[in-house]
Amino acid sequence: LYTPMKFEVRTLSNSVPVKCEGGQCRVTLKKSKKSTLPPLMNALELFKVIEFPQSETNHDDFTAIKNIHAAYGLNRSSWQGDPCV
């Protein structure tokens, strides 16, 4: 149970991933006994791990990006990694 102080902003997080049952996660907010208003949640962030069996960069794509890098004379500090940016 967590009760914030008046006008307090707080970020709560788990250091260990939480696995939801059946693909559904449930978050319950309950007002305190002294509260006259319902609970409020400003934001919630959820992340899902996705495994890509072939996540390696295609060698032809790598070569094309390196050629663009060389053609524009980009140095390491100015290179963003995306030739469209």
N, C-alpha and C. Protein backbone atom coordinates (compact mmCIF):
# COMPACT_ATOMS: atom_id res chain seq x y z
N LEU A 1 0.86 -1.18 0.00
CA LEU A 1 0.00 0.00 0.00
C LEU A 1 0.90 1.23 0.00
N TYR A 2 0.59 2.16 -0.85
CA TYR A 2 1.37 3.40 -0.95
C TYR A 2 0.43 4.59 -0.84
N THR A 3 0.73 5.53 0.03
CA THR A 3 -0.05 6.75 0.18
C THR A 3 0.88 7.95 0.01
N PRO A 4 0.70 8.74 -1.04
CA PRO A 4 1.58 9.91 -1.23
C PRO A 4 1.20 11.05 -0.30
N MET A 5 2.17 11.90 -0.03
CA MET A 5 1.91 13.11 0.75
C MET A 5 1.18 14.11 -0.16
N LYS A 6 0.59 15.12 0.42
CA LYS A 6 -0.14 16.13 -0.34
C LYS A 6 0.79 16.82 -1.34
N PHE A 7 0.36 16.93 -2.58
CA PHE A 7 1.09 17.56 -3.69
C PHE A 7 2.41 16.86 -4.01
N GLU A 8 2.54 15.63 -3.63
CA GLU A 8 3.78 14.89 -3.89
C GLU A 8 3.71 14.20 -5.25
N VAL A 9 4.81 14.23 -5.96
CA VAL A 9 4.94 13.51 -7.22
C VAL A 9 5.89 12.35 -6.97
N ARG A 10 5.52 11.18 -7.41
CA ARG A 10 6.35 10.01 -7.12
C ARG A 10 6.28 9.05 -8.30
N THR A 11 7.42 8.46 -8.59
CA THR A 11 7.50 7.40 -9.59
C THR A 11 7.74 6.09 -8.87
N LEU A 12 6.90 5.13 -9.12
CA LEU A 12 7.05 3.81 -8.53
C LEU A 12 7.41 2.84 -9.64
N SER A 13 8.33 1.94 -9.35
CA SER A 13 8.70 0.95 -10.36
C SER A 13 9.08 -0.35 -9.68
N ASN A 14 9.07 -1.41 -10.45
CA ASN A 14 9.49 -2.72 -9.96
C ASN A 14 10.89 -3.00 -10.48
N SER A 15 11.75 -3.52 -9.62
CA SER A 15 13.09 -3.89 -10.06
C SER A 15 13.09 -5.27 -10.71
N VAL A 16 12.01 -6.00 -10.52
CA VAL A 16 11.87 -7.33 -11.11
C VAL A 16 10.65 -7.30 -12.04
N PRO A 17 10.77 -7.83 -13.25
CA PRO A 17 9.61 -7.83 -14.16
C PRO A 17 8.42 -8.56 -13.56
N VAL A 18 7.24 -8.09 -13.89
CA VAL A 18 6.01 -8.72 -13.44
C VAL A 18 5.38 -9.42 -14.63
N LYS A 19 5.06 -10.69 -14.46
CA LYS A 19 4.41 -11.44 -15.52
C LYS A 19 2.92 -11.46 -15.24
N CYS A 20 2.14 -11.04 -16.21
CA CYS A 20 0.69 -10.96 -16.05
C CYS A 20 0.06 -12.31 -16.37
N GLU A 21 -1.00 -12.62 -15.67
CA GLU A 21 -1.72 -13.87 -15.86
C GLU A 21 -2.57 -13.82 -17.12
N GLY A 22 -2.42 -14.79 -17.99
CA GLY A 22 -3.26 -14.89 -19.18
C GLY A 22 -3.15 -13.70 -20.11
N GLY A 23 -2.03 -12.98 -20.08
CA GLY A 23 -1.85 -11.83 -20.97
C GLY A 23 -2.56 -10.58 -20.51
N GLN A 24 -3.16 -10.60 -19.32
CA GLN A 24 -3.85 -9.42 -18.81
C GLN A 24 -3.23 -8.99 -17.49
N CYS A 25 -2.99 -7.69 -17.37
CA CYS A 25 -2.45 -7.13 -16.13
C CYS A 25 -3.55 -6.34 -15.45
N ARG A 26 -3.59 -6.41 -14.14
CA ARG A 26 -4.61 -5.68 -13.40
C ARG A 26 -3.95 -4.73 -12.42
N VAL A 27 -4.36 -3.48 -12.47
CA VAL A 27 -3.90 -2.46 -11.53
C VAL A 27 -5.13 -1.98 -10.78
N THR A 28 -5.05 -1.98 -9.47
CA THR A 28 -6.18 -1.56 -8.65
C THR A 28 -5.81 -0.30 -7.88
N LEU A 29 -6.64 0.71 -7.99
CA LEU A 29 -6.46 1.95 -7.23
C LEU A 29 -7.61 2.07 -6.25
N LYS A 30 -7.28 2.30 -4.99
CA LYS A 30 -8.31 2.46 -3.96
C LYS A 30 -8.06 3.75 -3.22
N LYS A 31 -9.13 4.47 -2.96
CA LYS A 31 -8.96 5.71 -2.19
C LYS A 31 -8.76 5.38 -0.72
N SER A 32 -8.07 6.27 -0.03
CA SER A 32 -7.86 6.08 1.40
C SER A 32 -9.14 6.42 2.16
N LYS A 33 -9.20 6.03 3.40
CA LYS A 33 -10.40 6.29 4.20
C LYS A 33 -10.64 7.78 4.41
N LYS A 34 -9.56 8.57 4.42
CA LYS A 34 -9.69 10.01 4.63
C LYS A 34 -9.96 10.77 3.33
N SER A 35 -9.82 10.13 2.20
CA SER A 35 -9.96 10.82 0.92
C SER A 35 -11.42 11.09 0.59
N THR A 36 -11.66 12.26 0.03
CA THR A 36 -13.02 12.61 -0.42
C THR A 36 -13.14 12.47 -1.93
N LEU A 37 -12.02 12.20 -2.60
CA LEU A 37 -12.00 12.06 -4.05
C LEU A 37 -11.49 10.68 -4.43
N PRO A 38 -11.84 10.23 -5.63
CA PRO A 38 -11.32 8.93 -6.07
C PRO A 38 -9.82 9.02 -6.36
N PRO A 39 -9.14 7.89 -6.41
CA PRO A 39 -7.70 7.91 -6.70
C PRO A 39 -7.43 8.38 -8.12
N LEU A 40 -6.23 8.89 -8.33
CA LEU A 40 -5.84 9.44 -9.62
C LEU A 40 -4.50 8.86 -10.04
N MET A 41 -4.44 8.39 -11.27
CA MET A 41 -3.17 7.94 -11.84
C MET A 41 -2.92 8.79 -13.07
N ASN A 42 -1.78 9.46 -13.09
CA ASN A 42 -1.45 10.35 -14.20
C ASN A 42 -0.92 9.58 -15.40
N ALA A 43 -0.11 8.56 -15.17
CA ALA A 43 0.49 7.83 -16.28
C ALA A 43 0.85 6.42 -15.86
N LEU A 44 0.91 5.55 -16.84
CA LEU A 44 1.30 4.17 -16.62
C LEU A 44 2.09 3.72 -17.83
N GLU A 45 3.25 3.15 -17.62
CA GLU A 45 4.07 2.65 -18.73
C GLU A 45 4.22 1.15 -18.60
N LEU A 46 3.96 0.45 -19.69
CA LEU A 46 4.12 -1.00 -19.73
C LEU A 46 5.06 -1.34 -20.86
N PHE A 47 5.88 -2.33 -20.66
CA PHE A 47 6.81 -2.78 -21.68
C PHE A 47 6.66 -4.27 -21.87
N LYS A 48 6.75 -4.70 -23.12
CA LYS A 48 6.67 -6.11 -23.44
C LYS A 48 7.95 -6.51 -24.16
N VAL A 49 8.55 -7.59 -23.71
CA VAL A 49 9.77 -8.09 -24.35
C VAL A 49 9.37 -8.87 -25.59
N ILE A 50 9.96 -8.50 -26.71
CA ILE A 50 9.70 -9.20 -27.97
C ILE A 50 11.01 -9.79 -28.45
N GLU A 51 11.01 -11.07 -28.73
CA GLU A 51 12.21 -11.71 -29.24
C GLU A 51 12.15 -11.77 -30.76
N PHE A 52 13.24 -11.35 -31.39
CA PHE A 52 13.35 -11.40 -32.84
C PHE A 52 14.36 -12.49 -33.20
N PRO A 53 13.91 -13.59 -33.79
CA PRO A 53 14.84 -14.69 -34.08
C PRO A 53 15.94 -14.31 -35.07
N GLN A 54 15.67 -13.35 -35.95
CA GLN A 54 16.68 -12.92 -36.92
C GLN A 54 16.83 -11.41 -36.84
N SER A 55 17.28 -10.92 -35.69
CA SER A 55 17.35 -9.48 -35.48
C SER A 55 18.64 -8.85 -36.00
N GLU A 56 19.55 -9.66 -36.55
CA GLU A 56 20.80 -9.11 -37.04
C GLU A 56 20.54 -8.20 -38.24
N THR A 57 21.37 -7.19 -38.39
CA THR A 57 21.27 -6.29 -39.54
C THR A 57 21.73 -7.02 -40.79
N ASN A 58 20.95 -6.88 -41.85
CA ASN A 58 21.33 -7.46 -43.14
C ASN A 58 22.63 -6.82 -43.59
N HIS A 59 23.57 -7.63 -44.07
CA HIS A 59 24.89 -7.11 -44.46
C HIS A 59 24.77 -6.07 -45.58
N ASP A 60 23.84 -6.25 -46.52
CA ASP A 60 23.65 -5.27 -47.61
C ASP A 60 23.19 -3.93 -47.05
N ASP A 61 22.32 -3.95 -46.04
CA ASP A 61 21.88 -2.70 -45.40
C ASP A 61 23.04 -2.01 -44.71
N PHE A 62 23.85 -2.79 -44.03
CA PHE A 62 25.03 -2.25 -43.35
C PHE A 62 25.96 -1.57 -44.35
N THR A 63 26.21 -2.23 -45.47
CA THR A 63 27.10 -1.68 -46.50
C THR A 63 26.53 -0.39 -47.07
N ALA A 64 25.22 -0.35 -47.33
CA ALA A 64 24.59 0.85 -47.88
C ALA A 64 24.70 2.02 -46.91
N ILE A 65 24.48 1.78 -45.64
CA ILE A 65 24.57 2.85 -44.65
C ILE A 65 26.01 3.36 -44.53
N LYS A 66 26.97 2.45 -44.55
CA LYS A 66 28.38 2.87 -44.50
C LYS A 66 28.74 3.69 -45.73
N ASN A 67 28.20 3.34 -46.90
CA ASN A 67 28.46 4.11 -48.12
C ASN A 67 27.88 5.52 -48.02
N ILE A 68 26.68 5.64 -47.48
CA ILE A 68 26.06 6.95 -47.27
C ILE A 68 26.91 7.76 -46.29
N HIS A 69 27.34 7.13 -45.24
CA HIS A 69 28.19 7.76 -44.23
C HIS A 69 29.45 8.34 -44.88
N ALA A 70 30.08 7.54 -45.72
CA ALA A 70 31.31 7.98 -46.39
C ALA A 70 31.03 9.06 -47.43
N ALA A 71 29.94 8.93 -48.19
CA ALA A 71 29.61 9.89 -49.25
C ALA A 71 29.36 11.29 -48.69
N TYR A 72 28.74 11.38 -47.53
CA TYR A 72 28.45 12.68 -46.93
C TYR A 72 29.56 13.17 -46.01
N GLY A 73 30.59 12.37 -45.84
CA GLY A 73 31.72 12.77 -45.00
C GLY A 73 31.32 13.00 -43.56
N LEU A 74 30.41 12.20 -43.06
CA LEU A 74 29.94 12.37 -41.69
C LEU A 74 30.97 11.82 -40.71
N ASN A 75 31.20 12.59 -39.64
CA ASN A 75 32.10 12.07 -38.62
C ASN A 75 31.29 11.38 -37.53
N ARG A 76 31.96 10.74 -36.65
CA ARG A 76 31.30 9.93 -35.63
C ARG A 76 30.34 10.73 -34.75
N SER A 77 30.70 11.98 -34.42
CA SER A 77 29.85 12.76 -33.51
C SER A 77 28.59 13.29 -34.20
N SER A 78 28.62 13.47 -35.52
CA SER A 78 27.43 13.99 -36.20
C SER A 78 26.56 12.88 -36.78
N TRP A 79 27.04 11.68 -36.79
CA TRP A 79 26.29 10.56 -37.38
C TRP A 79 25.17 10.13 -36.44
N GLN A 80 23.94 10.14 -36.96
CA GLN A 80 22.78 9.78 -36.15
C GLN A 80 22.38 8.32 -36.34
N GLY A 81 22.91 7.67 -37.37
CA GLY A 81 22.55 6.28 -37.60
C GLY A 81 21.39 6.12 -38.56
N ASP A 82 20.62 7.16 -38.78
CA ASP A 82 19.49 7.09 -39.71
C ASP A 82 19.76 8.07 -40.84
N PRO A 83 20.00 7.58 -42.06
CA PRO A 83 20.32 8.48 -43.17
C PRO A 83 19.16 9.38 -43.56
N CYS A 84 17.96 9.09 -43.08
CA CYS A 84 16.79 9.92 -43.42
C CYS A 84 16.65 11.13 -42.50
N VAL A 85 17.37 11.14 -41.40
CA VAL A 85 17.25 12.24 -40.44
C VAL A 85 18.11 13.40 -40.86
